[in-house]
Amino acid sequence: MQLAPFSRRCLVVAAVVALLVISPRTVPASDEPVLSKEEMRHFLLTAKVVASTQTQKGTTNPYRLTLSDGKLTHDASFQAIDEHRPIREFANGTREINFVDSYKYNIAGFVLSELLGVDDMVPMYVERTWNGRRGAIGWWLPVTMDEADRQKRKLAAPDLERWNEQMYRIRVFDALIYDNDINLTNVLIGANWKIYRVDFSRAFRLSPTVRDARDLVMCDRQLLAKLKALDAAEVAAKTRPFLTQRELQALMARRDQIVAIFERFVRDKGEAAVFYD
């Protein structure tokens, strides 16, 4: 099977398969604590921070915290950025109107992933104050590397079909949330080539159309059903105060476009060429 073509923001997998080398502080999936969502949320909100270090990943360099409640010790990410500018100019000469870079979008992204049934690929984020700053604290995932590491080491997933199906889910989610800072360090890879998507601080833009419709090729059948059923009032209630009304309206407009695109694909190609389970 040939790997599906990816957009410029998702690099094509190399053809070399090699063993993963787990970084020194990576938590093996087998050692992950088995917690309910409420237990995980309570831990993130209340566990004591016993160690911290600032990472050098991404554009905001979030902190990696070690939390402990006396029984369980686990790491978490912490990001406190909340920047709003009428116009943001970048070093490459581009500019963005109504620029926002906010930790609040991480929390909104997780809530949305729950509503869509794809929260297995997004870490839990909650709002918490640490070191005098309000921010998003997220469950540290049992990963082996990020996509930038994978490309640098010229590794490839042994099961390309499963890899593609995971990437298609991420593409649909990214199209929905309209992230202006999709980069390779925000795609994490765990054991058995499980893919995660993290860091949404520059998502939820005000555009009513998806960034690049060419990213939408196939879709998980259950995900499209959840998209169709997504209720604006429920999203508003569960993301308050992390999304504005304008951001919510743009989100729902993109939802409508995504659904329409896949419905057209089904008419033109048939369900078998569009959906997977």
C-alpha atoms as a PDB file:
ATOM      1  CA  MET A   1       0.000   0.000   0.000  1.00  0.00           C
ATOM      2  CA  GLN A   2       1.313   3.430  -0.897  1.00  0.00           C
ATOM      3  CA  LEU A   3       1.314   6.140   1.725  1.00  0.00           C
ATOM      4  CA  ALA A   4      -1.359   8.775   1.160  1.00  0.00           C
ATOM      5  CA  PRO A   5       0.050  12.124   0.043  1.00  0.00           C
ATOM      6  CA  PHE A   6       0.350  14.643   2.851  1.00  0.00           C
ATOM      7  CA  SER A   7       0.203  18.410   2.682  1.00  0.00           C
ATOM      8  CA  ARG A   8       3.255  20.582   3.170  1.00  0.00           C
ATOM      9  CA  ARG A   9       2.610  20.534   6.917  1.00  0.00           C
ATOM     10  CA  CYS A  10       2.672  16.713   7.208  1.00  0.00           C
ATOM     11  CA  LEU A  11       5.815  15.186   5.821  1.00  0.00           C
ATOM     12  CA  VAL A  12       5.768  11.905   3.925  1.00  0.00           C
ATOM     13  CA  VAL A  13       7.041   8.920   5.868  1.00  0.00           C
ATOM     14  CA  ALA A  14      10.507   7.710   4.950  1.00  0.00           C
ATOM     15  CA  ALA A  15      10.937   4.163   3.700  1.00  0.00           C
ATOM     16  CA  VAL A  16      13.290   2.992   6.415  1.00  0.00           C
ATOM     17  CA  VAL A  17      12.054   1.017   9.409  1.00  0.00           C
ATOM     18  CA  ALA A  18      14.126   1.058  12.600  1.00  0.00           C
ATOM     19  CA  LEU A  19      13.751   0.507  16.335  1.00  0.00           C
ATOM     20  CA  LEU A  20      12.571   3.367  18.534  1.00  0.00           C
ATOM     21  CA  VAL A  21      14.917   4.662  21.190  1.00  0.00           C
ATOM     22  CA  ILE A  22      13.039   5.897  24.240  1.00  0.00           C
ATOM     23  CA  SER A  23      14.305   9.171  25.687  1.00  0.00           C
ATOM     24  CA  PRO A  24      15.527   9.123  29.316  1.00  0.00           C
ATOM     25  CA  ARG A  25      12.374  10.611  30.859  1.00  0.00           C
ATOM     26  CA  THR A  26       9.798   9.008  28.587  1.00  0.00           C
ATOM     27  CA  VAL A  27       7.146   6.992  30.405  1.00  0.00           C
ATOM     28  CA  PRO A  28       6.635   3.589  28.758  1.00  0.00           C
ATOM     29  CA  ALA A  29       3.013   2.963  27.833  1.00  0.00           C
ATOM     30  CA  SER A  30       2.986  -0.149  30.028  1.00  0.00           C
ATOM     31  CA  ASP A  31       3.844   1.997  33.074  1.00  0.00           C
ATOM     32  CA  GLU A  32       1.074   4.544  32.473  1.00  0.00           C
ATOM     33  CA  PRO A  33      -1.357   4.738  35.417  1.00  0.00           C
ATOM     34  CA  VAL A  34      -4.891   3.610  34.683  1.00  0.00           C
ATOM     35  CA  LEU A  35      -7.093   6.496  35.761  1.00  0.00           C
ATOM     36  CA  SER A  36     -10.605   7.602  34.966  1.00  0.00           C
ATOM     37  CA  LYS A  37     -10.985  11.001  33.350  1.00  0.00           C
ATOM     38  CA  GLU A  38     -12.183  12.498  36.615  1.00  0.00           C
ATOM     39  CA  GLU A  39      -9.225  11.021  38.495  1.00  0.00           C
ATOM     40  CA  MET A  40      -6.827  12.384  35.878  1.00  0.00           C
ATOM     41  CA  ARG A  41      -8.477  15.808  35.976  1.00  0.00           C
ATOM     42  CA  HIS A  42      -8.334  15.887  39.781  1.00  0.00           C
ATOM     43  CA  PHE A  43      -4.661  14.925  39.735  1.00  0.00           C
ATOM     44  CA  LEU A  44      -3.758  17.649  37.241  1.00  0.00           C
ATOM     45  CA  LEU A  45      -5.656  20.246  39.249  1.00  0.00           C
ATOM     46  CA  THR A  46      -4.453  19.348  42.727  1.00  0.00           C
ATOM     47  CA  ALA A  47      -1.183  17.354  42.707  1.00  0.00           C
ATOM     48  CA  LYS A  48       1.882  19.143  44.045  1.00  0.00           C
ATOM     49  CA  VAL A  49       4.556  20.295  41.596  1.00  0.00           C
ATOM     50  CA  VAL A  50       7.786  18.672  42.800  1.00  0.00           C
ATOM     51  CA  ALA A  51      10.056  19.469  39.836  1.00  0.00           C
ATOM     52  CA  SER A  52      10.026  21.599  36.689  1.00  0.00           C
ATOM     53  CA  THR A  53      12.097  22.230  33.577  1.00  0.00           C
ATOM     54  CA  GLN A  54      11.486  24.391  30.531  1.00  0.00           C
ATOM     55  CA  THR A  55      11.437  22.549  27.222  1.00  0.00           C
ATOM     56  CA  GLN A  56      12.931  23.770  23.949  1.00  0.00           C
ATOM     57  CA  LYS A  57      10.107  22.460  21.768  1.00  0.00           C
ATOM     58  CA  GLY A  58       7.629  24.459  19.713  1.00  0.00           C
ATOM     59  CA  THR A  59       7.208  28.220  19.664  1.00  0.00           C
ATOM     60  CA  THR A  60       6.228  28.796  23.296  1.00  0.00           C
ATOM     61  CA  ASN A  61       8.758  26.549  25.120  1.00  0.00           C
ATOM     62  CA  PRO A  62       6.279  25.132  27.650  1.00  0.00           C
ATOM     63  CA  TYR A  63       7.367  23.696  30.987  1.00  0.00           C
ATOM     64  CA  ARG A  64       7.545  20.044  31.875  1.00  0.00           C
ATOM     65  CA  LEU A  65       6.357  19.607  35.438  1.00  0.00           C
ATOM     66  CA  THR A  66       6.560  16.580  37.694  1.00  0.00           C
ATOM     67  CA  LEU A  67       3.434  16.245  39.842  1.00  0.00           C
ATOM     68  CA  SER A  68       2.857  14.075  42.886  1.00  0.00           C
ATOM     69  CA  ASP A  69      -0.111  13.538  45.190  1.00  0.00           C
ATOM     70  CA  GLY A  70       1.837  11.273  47.543  1.00  0.00           C
ATOM     71  CA  LYS A  71       0.671   8.108  45.799  1.00  0.00           C
ATOM     72  CA  LEU A  72       1.100   8.840  42.107  1.00  0.00           C
ATOM     73  CA  THR A  73       3.926  10.747  40.435  1.00  0.00           C
ATOM     74  CA  HIS A  74       3.478  11.791  36.813  1.00  0.00           C
ATOM     75  CA  ASP A  75       4.670  14.528  34.475  1.00  0.00           C
ATOM     76  CA  ALA A  76       2.579  17.275  32.894  1.00  0.00           C
ATOM     77  CA  SER A  77       3.089  20.126  30.452  1.00  0.00           C
ATOM     78  CA  PHE A  78       2.382  23.726  31.455  1.00  0.00           C
ATOM     79  CA  GLN A  79       1.807  26.603  29.050  1.00  0.00           C
ATOM     80  CA  ALA A  80       0.766  30.083  30.225  1.00  0.00           C
ATOM     81  CA  ILE A  81       0.976  32.208  27.081  1.00  0.00           C
ATOM     82  CA  ASP A  82      -2.036  34.454  26.449  1.00  0.00           C
ATOM     83  CA  GLU A  83      -0.992  36.970  23.790  1.00  0.00           C
ATOM     84  CA  HIS A  84      -3.453  39.095  21.804  1.00  0.00           C
ATOM     85  CA  ARG A  85      -2.432  41.563  19.095  1.00  0.00           C
ATOM     86  CA  PRO A  86      -4.396  43.453  16.414  1.00  0.00           C
ATOM     87  CA  ILE A  87      -1.572  42.667  13.969  1.00  0.00           C
ATOM     88  CA  ARG A  88       1.371  40.318  14.389  1.00  0.00           C
ATOM     89  CA  GLU A  89       4.302  40.575  11.990  1.00  0.00           C
ATOM     90  CA  PHE A  90       6.606  37.587  11.598  1.00  0.00           C
ATOM     91  CA  ALA A  91      10.289  37.364  10.724  1.00  0.00           C
ATOM     92  CA  ASN A  92       9.501  35.883   7.314  1.00  0.00           C
ATOM     93  CA  GLY A  93       7.586  39.016   6.328  1.00  0.00           C
ATOM     94  CA  THR A  94       4.075  37.632   6.773  1.00  0.00           C
ATOM     95  CA  ARG A  95       1.529  39.142   9.109  1.00  0.00           C
ATOM     96  CA  GLU A  96      -1.630  38.032  10.823  1.00  0.00           C
ATOM     97  CA  ILE A  97      -4.597  40.192  11.792  1.00  0.00           C
ATOM     98  CA  ASN A  98      -6.342  39.460  15.103  1.00  0.00           C
ATOM     99  CA  PHE A  99      -3.399  37.366  16.253  1.00  0.00           C
ATOM    100  CA  VAL A 100      -3.923  35.229  19.343  1.00  0.00           C
ATOM    101  CA  ASP A 101      -1.550  32.785  21.020  1.00  0.00           C
ATOM    102  CA  SER A 102      -3.320  31.434  24.089  1.00  0.00           C
ATOM    103  CA  TYR A 103      -3.146  28.506  26.474  1.00  0.00           C
ATOM    104  CA  LYS A 104      -6.954  28.611  26.551  1.00  0.00           C
ATOM    105  CA  TYR A 105      -7.101  26.996  23.122  1.00  0.00           C
ATOM    106  CA  ASN A 106      -5.376  23.890  24.496  1.00  0.00           C
ATOM    107  CA  ILE A 107      -8.277  23.379  26.880  1.00  0.00           C
ATOM    108  CA  ALA A 108     -10.846  24.108  24.182  1.00  0.00           C
ATOM    109  CA  GLY A 109      -9.071  21.665  21.872  1.00  0.00           C
ATOM    110  CA  PHE A 110      -9.289  18.861  24.412  1.00  0.00           C
ATOM    111  CA  VAL A 111     -12.965  19.564  25.123  1.00  0.00           C
ATOM    112  CA  LEU A 112     -13.701  19.467  21.401  1.00  0.00           C
ATOM    113  CA  SER A 113     -11.766  16.213  21.003  1.00  0.00           C
ATOM    114  CA  GLU A 114     -13.981  14.688  23.716  1.00  0.00           C
ATOM    115  CA  LEU A 115     -17.130  15.785  21.931  1.00  0.00           C
ATOM    116  CA  LEU A 116     -15.844  14.227  18.711  1.00  0.00           C
ATOM    117  CA  GLY A 117     -14.639  10.996  20.296  1.00  0.00           C
ATOM    118  CA  VAL A 118     -10.992  11.535  19.331  1.00  0.00           C
ATOM    119  CA  ASP A 119      -9.661  12.370  22.799  1.00  0.00           C
ATOM    120  CA  ASP A 120      -7.498   9.246  22.597  1.00  0.00           C
ATOM    121  CA  MET A 121      -5.156  11.311  20.392  1.00  0.00           C
ATOM    122  CA  VAL A 122      -5.247  14.551  22.450  1.00  0.00           C
ATOM    123  CA  PRO A 123      -3.924  14.874  26.016  1.00  0.00           C
ATOM    124  CA  MET A 124      -6.202  16.154  28.744  1.00  0.00           C
ATOM    125  CA  TYR A 125      -5.695  19.870  29.426  1.00  0.00           C
ATOM    126  CA  VAL A 126      -7.139  21.776  32.382  1.00  0.00           C
ATOM    127  CA  GLU A 127      -6.721  25.328  33.619  1.00  0.00           C
ATOM    128  CA  ARG A 128      -4.507  25.811  36.674  1.00  0.00           C
ATOM    129  CA  THR A 129      -2.290  28.412  38.308  1.00  0.00           C
ATOM    130  CA  TRP A 130       1.359  27.507  38.809  1.00  0.00           C
ATOM    131  CA  ASN A 131       4.243  29.729  39.838  1.00  0.00           C
ATOM    132  CA  GLY A 132       1.929  32.724  39.886  1.00  0.00           C
ATOM    133  CA  ARG A 133       0.697  32.253  36.316  1.00  0.00           C
ATOM    134  CA  ARG A 134      -2.614  30.969  34.981  1.00  0.00           C
ATOM    135  CA  GLY A 135      -2.230  28.437  32.214  1.00  0.00           C
ATOM    136  CA  ALA A 136      -3.075  25.070  30.698  1.00  0.00           C
ATOM    137  CA  ILE A 137      -1.639  22.010  32.353  1.00  0.00           C
ATOM    138  CA  GLY A 138      -1.726  18.838  30.277  1.00  0.00           C
ATOM    139  CA  TRP A 139      -1.187  15.145  30.922  1.00  0.00           C
ATOM    140  CA  TRP A 140       2.291  14.075  29.779  1.00  0.00           C
ATOM    141  CA  LEU A 141       1.940  11.399  27.128  1.00  0.00           C
ATOM    142  CA  PRO A 142       3.841   8.084  26.923  1.00  0.00           C
ATOM    143  CA  VAL A 143       5.658   8.978  23.712  1.00  0.00           C
ATOM    144  CA  THR A 144       8.942   7.940  22.184  1.00  0.00           C
ATOM    145  CA  MET A 145       9.551  10.902  19.868  1.00  0.00           C
ATOM    146  CA  ASP A 146       7.890  13.677  17.902  1.00  0.00           C
ATOM    147  CA  GLU A 147       7.489  13.896  14.147  1.00  0.00           C
ATOM    148  CA  ALA A 148      10.585  16.093  13.814  1.00  0.00           C
ATOM    149  CA  ASP A 149      12.647  13.406  15.569  1.00  0.00           C
ATOM    150  CA  ARG A 150      11.119  10.681  13.394  1.00  0.00           C
ATOM    151  CA  GLN A 151      12.044  12.464  10.210  1.00  0.00           C
ATOM    152  CA  LYS A 152      15.548  13.275  11.408  1.00  0.00           C
ATOM    153  CA  ARG A 153      16.157   9.623  12.283  1.00  0.00           C
ATOM    154  CA  LYS A 154      14.616   8.436   8.992  1.00  0.00           C
ATOM    155  CA  LEU A 155      12.153   6.073  10.666  1.00  0.00           C
ATOM    156  CA  ALA A 156       8.949   4.731   9.134  1.00  0.00           C
ATOM    157  CA  ALA A 157       5.834   3.148  10.542  1.00  0.00           C
ATOM    158  CA  PRO A 158       5.688  -0.586   9.791  1.00  0.00           C
ATOM    159  CA  ASP A 159       1.894  -0.445   9.253  1.00  0.00           C
ATOM    160  CA  LEU A 160       1.360   2.368   6.761  1.00  0.00           C
ATOM    161  CA  GLU A 161      -2.392   1.836   6.548  1.00  0.00           C
ATOM    162  CA  ARG A 162      -2.831   2.345  10.275  1.00  0.00           C
ATOM    163  CA  TRP A 163      -0.454   5.331  10.184  1.00  0.00           C
ATOM    164  CA  ASN A 164      -2.469   6.919   7.382  1.00  0.00           C
ATOM    165  CA  GLU A 165      -5.764   6.396   9.170  1.00  0.00           C
ATOM    166  CA  GLN A 166      -4.415   8.133  12.264  1.00  0.00           C
ATOM    167  CA  MET A 167      -3.110  11.002  10.158  1.00  0.00           C
ATOM    168  CA  TYR A 168      -6.475  11.373   8.406  1.00  0.00           C
ATOM    169  CA  ARG A 169      -8.136  11.844  11.812  1.00  0.00           C
ATOM    170  CA  ILE A 170      -5.569  14.482  12.731  1.00  0.00           C
ATOM    171  CA  ARG A 171      -6.097  16.245   9.413  1.00  0.00           C
ATOM    172  CA  VAL A 172      -9.847  16.454   9.939  1.00  0.00           C
ATOM    173  CA  PHE A 173      -9.375  17.742  13.476  1.00  0.00           C
ATOM    174  CA  ASP A 174      -6.787  20.296  12.325  1.00  0.00           C
ATOM    175  CA  ALA A 175      -9.091  21.476   9.542  1.00  0.00           C
ATOM    176  CA  LEU A 176     -11.842  21.983  12.094  1.00  0.00           C
ATOM    177  CA  ILE A 177      -9.788  23.956  14.626  1.00  0.00           C
ATOM    178  CA  TYR A 178      -7.734  25.922  12.037  1.00  0.00           C
ATOM    179  CA  ASP A 179      -4.337  25.901  13.754  1.00  0.00           C
ATOM    180  CA  ASN A 180      -1.966  28.580  12.445  1.00  0.00           C
ATOM    181  CA  ASP A 181       1.097  26.908  13.944  1.00  0.00           C
ATOM    182  CA  ILE A 182       1.034  23.285  12.858  1.00  0.00           C
ATOM    183  CA  ASN A 183       4.594  22.029  13.185  1.00  0.00           C
ATOM    184  CA  LEU A 184       6.351  18.704  13.497  1.00  0.00           C
ATOM    185  CA  THR A 185       6.932  18.997  17.249  1.00  0.00           C
ATOM    186  CA  ASN A 186       3.160  19.037  17.808  1.00  0.00           C
ATOM    187  CA  VAL A 187       2.724  15.531  16.414  1.00  0.00           C
ATOM    188  CA  LEU A 188       3.949  12.971  18.945  1.00  0.00           C
ATOM    189  CA  ILE A 189       4.521   9.254  18.410  1.00  0.00           C
ATOM    190  CA  GLY A 190       4.120   6.631  21.090  1.00  0.00           C
ATOM    191  CA  ALA A 191       4.537   2.898  21.391  1.00  0.00           C
ATOM    192  CA  ASN A 192       3.237   0.850  18.461  1.00  0.00           C
ATOM    193  CA  TRP A 193       3.285   4.057  16.382  1.00  0.00           C
ATOM    194  CA  LYS A 194       0.320   5.595  18.141  1.00  0.00           C
ATOM    195  CA  ILE A 195       0.051   9.271  17.050  1.00  0.00           C
ATOM    196  CA  TYR A 196      -0.952  12.160  19.312  1.00  0.00           C
ATOM    197  CA  ARG A 197      -1.674  15.808  18.536  1.00  0.00           C
ATOM    198  CA  VAL A 198      -0.721  18.473  21.095  1.00  0.00           C
ATOM    199  CA  ASP A 199      -0.453  22.267  21.539  1.00  0.00           C
ATOM    200  CA  PHE A 200      -3.337  24.248  20.061  1.00  0.00           C
ATOM    201  CA  SER A 201      -2.338  27.698  21.314  1.00  0.00           C
ATOM    202  CA  ARG A 202      -2.606  29.249  17.830  1.00  0.00           C
ATOM    203  CA  ALA A 203      -5.761  27.452  16.746  1.00  0.00           C
ATOM    204  CA  PHE A 204      -9.411  28.525  16.520  1.00  0.00           C
ATOM    205  CA  ARG A 205      -8.910  31.289  13.975  1.00  0.00           C
ATOM    206  CA  LEU A 206     -11.838  33.351  12.703  1.00  0.00           C
ATOM    207  CA  SER A 207     -11.802  32.027   9.130  1.00  0.00           C
ATOM    208  CA  PRO A 208     -15.093  30.280   8.232  1.00  0.00           C
ATOM    209  CA  THR A 209     -13.289  28.070   5.700  1.00  0.00           C
ATOM    210  CA  VAL A 210     -10.687  25.367   6.243  1.00  0.00           C
ATOM    211  CA  ARG A 211      -7.068  26.236   5.601  1.00  0.00           C
ATOM    212  CA  ASP A 212      -6.509  23.684   2.844  1.00  0.00           C
ATOM    213  CA  ALA A 213      -9.316  21.403   1.666  1.00  0.00           C
ATOM    214  CA  ARG A 214      -6.714  19.197  -0.023  1.00  0.00           C
ATOM    215  CA  ASP A 215      -5.812  17.872   3.435  1.00  0.00           C
ATOM    216  CA  LEU A 216      -9.211  16.157   3.563  1.00  0.00           C
ATOM    217  CA  VAL A 217      -8.898  12.821   1.781  1.00  0.00           C
ATOM    218  CA  MET A 218     -10.556  10.133   3.921  1.00  0.00           C
ATOM    219  CA  CYS A 219     -12.424  10.161   7.225  1.00  0.00           C
ATOM    220  CA  ASP A 220     -13.152   7.867  10.131  1.00  0.00           C
ATOM    221  CA  ARG A 221     -16.846   6.992   9.745  1.00  0.00           C
ATOM    222  CA  GLN A 222     -17.598   7.582  13.430  1.00  0.00           C
ATOM    223  CA  LEU A 223     -15.756  10.907  13.399  1.00  0.00           C
ATOM    224  CA  LEU A 224     -17.879  12.231  10.532  1.00  0.00           C
ATOM    225  CA  ALA A 225     -21.036  11.159  12.357  1.00  0.00           C
ATOM    226  CA  LYS A 226     -19.850  13.044  15.450  1.00  0.00           C
ATOM    227  CA  LEU A 227     -19.056  16.090  13.327  1.00  0.00           C
ATOM    228  CA  LYS A 228     -22.556  16.082  11.871  1.00  0.00           C
ATOM    229  CA  ALA A 229     -24.057  15.814  15.365  1.00  0.00           C
ATOM    230  CA  LEU A 230     -21.858  18.544  16.866  1.00  0.00           C
ATOM    231  CA  ASP A 231     -24.149  21.038  18.587  1.00  0.00           C
ATOM    232  CA  ALA A 232     -23.080  24.692  18.773  1.00  0.00           C
ATOM    233  CA  ALA A 233     -24.870  25.277  22.079  1.00  0.00           C
ATOM    234  CA  GLU A 234     -23.135  22.307  23.694  1.00  0.00           C
ATOM    235  CA  VAL A 235     -19.731  23.363  22.353  1.00  0.00           C
ATOM    236  CA  ALA A 236     -20.325  26.901  23.647  1.00  0.00           C
ATOM    237  CA  ALA A 237     -21.308  25.663  27.091  1.00  0.00           C
ATOM    238  CA  LYS A 238     -18.348  23.308  27.433  1.00  0.00           C
ATOM    239  CA  THR A 239     -15.697  25.668  26.046  1.00  0.00           C
ATOM    240  CA  ARG A 240     -16.799  28.769  27.952  1.00  0.00           C
ATOM    241  CA  PRO A 241     -14.730  30.906  28.691  1.00  0.00           C
ATOM    242  CA  PHE A 242     -12.019  29.528  26.398  1.00  0.00           C
ATOM    243  CA  LEU A 243     -13.670  30.332  23.048  1.00  0.00           C
ATOM    244  CA  THR A 244     -15.396  33.545  22.008  1.00  0.00           C
ATOM    245  CA  GLN A 245     -18.695  33.624  20.152  1.00  0.00           C
ATOM    246  CA  ARG A 246     -16.912  34.596  16.923  1.00  0.00           C
ATOM    247  CA  GLU A 247     -14.458  31.716  17.290  1.00  0.00           C
ATOM    248  CA  LEU A 248     -17.344  29.330  17.875  1.00  0.00           C
ATOM    249  CA  GLN A 249     -19.217  30.611  14.816  1.00  0.00           C
ATOM    250  CA  ALA A 250     -16.122  30.142  12.637  1.00  0.00           C
ATOM    251  CA  LEU A 251     -15.636  26.638  14.060  1.00  0.00           C
ATOM    252  CA  MET A 252     -19.179  25.594  13.185  1.00  0.00           C
ATOM    253  CA  ALA A 253     -18.862  27.093   9.688  1.00  0.00           C
ATOM    254  CA  ARG A 254     -15.738  24.991   9.107  1.00  0.00           C
ATOM    255  CA  ARG A 255     -17.610  21.962  10.439  1.00  0.00           C
ATOM    256  CA  ASP A 256     -20.293  22.531   7.814  1.00  0.00           C
ATOM    257  CA  GLN A 257     -17.662  22.782   5.080  1.00  0.00           C
ATOM    258  CA  ILE A 258     -15.863  19.605   6.184  1.00  0.00           C
ATOM    259  CA  VAL A 259     -19.118  17.633   6.261  1.00  0.00           C
ATOM    260  CA  ALA A 260     -20.079  18.965   2.826  1.00  0.00           C
ATOM    261  CA  ILE A 261     -16.684  17.994   1.382  1.00  0.00           C
ATOM    262  CA  PHE A 262     -16.929  14.401   2.561  1.00  0.00           C
ATOM    263  CA  GLU A 263     -20.548  14.096   1.486  1.00  0.00           C
ATOM    264  CA  ARG A 264     -19.494  15.224  -1.996  1.00  0.00           C
ATOM    265  CA  PHE A 265     -16.663  12.680  -1.969  1.00  0.00           C
ATOM    266  CA  VAL A 266     -19.167   9.939  -1.142  1.00  0.00           C
ATOM    267  CA  ARG A 267     -21.403  10.977  -4.038  1.00  0.00           C
ATOM    268  CA  ASP A 268     -18.459  11.093  -6.435  1.00  0.00           C
ATOM    269  CA  LYS A 269     -16.394   8.113  -5.265  1.00  0.00           C
ATOM    270  CA  GLY A 270     -18.583   5.922  -3.087  1.00  0.00           C
ATOM    271  CA  GLU A 271     -18.343   5.230   0.648  1.00  0.00           C
ATOM    272  CA  ALA A 272     -15.598   2.626   0.342  1.00  0.00           C
ATOM    273  CA  ALA A 273     -13.187   5.222  -1.075  1.00  0.00           C
ATOM    274  CA  VAL A 274     -13.947   7.791   1.640  1.00  0.00           C
ATOM    275  CA  PHE A 275     -14.642   6.080   4.951  1.00  0.00           C
ATOM    276  CA  TYR A 276     -12.748   3.706   7.214  1.00  0.00           C
ATOM    277  CA  ASP A 277     -13.705   2.322  10.637  1.00  0.00           C
END
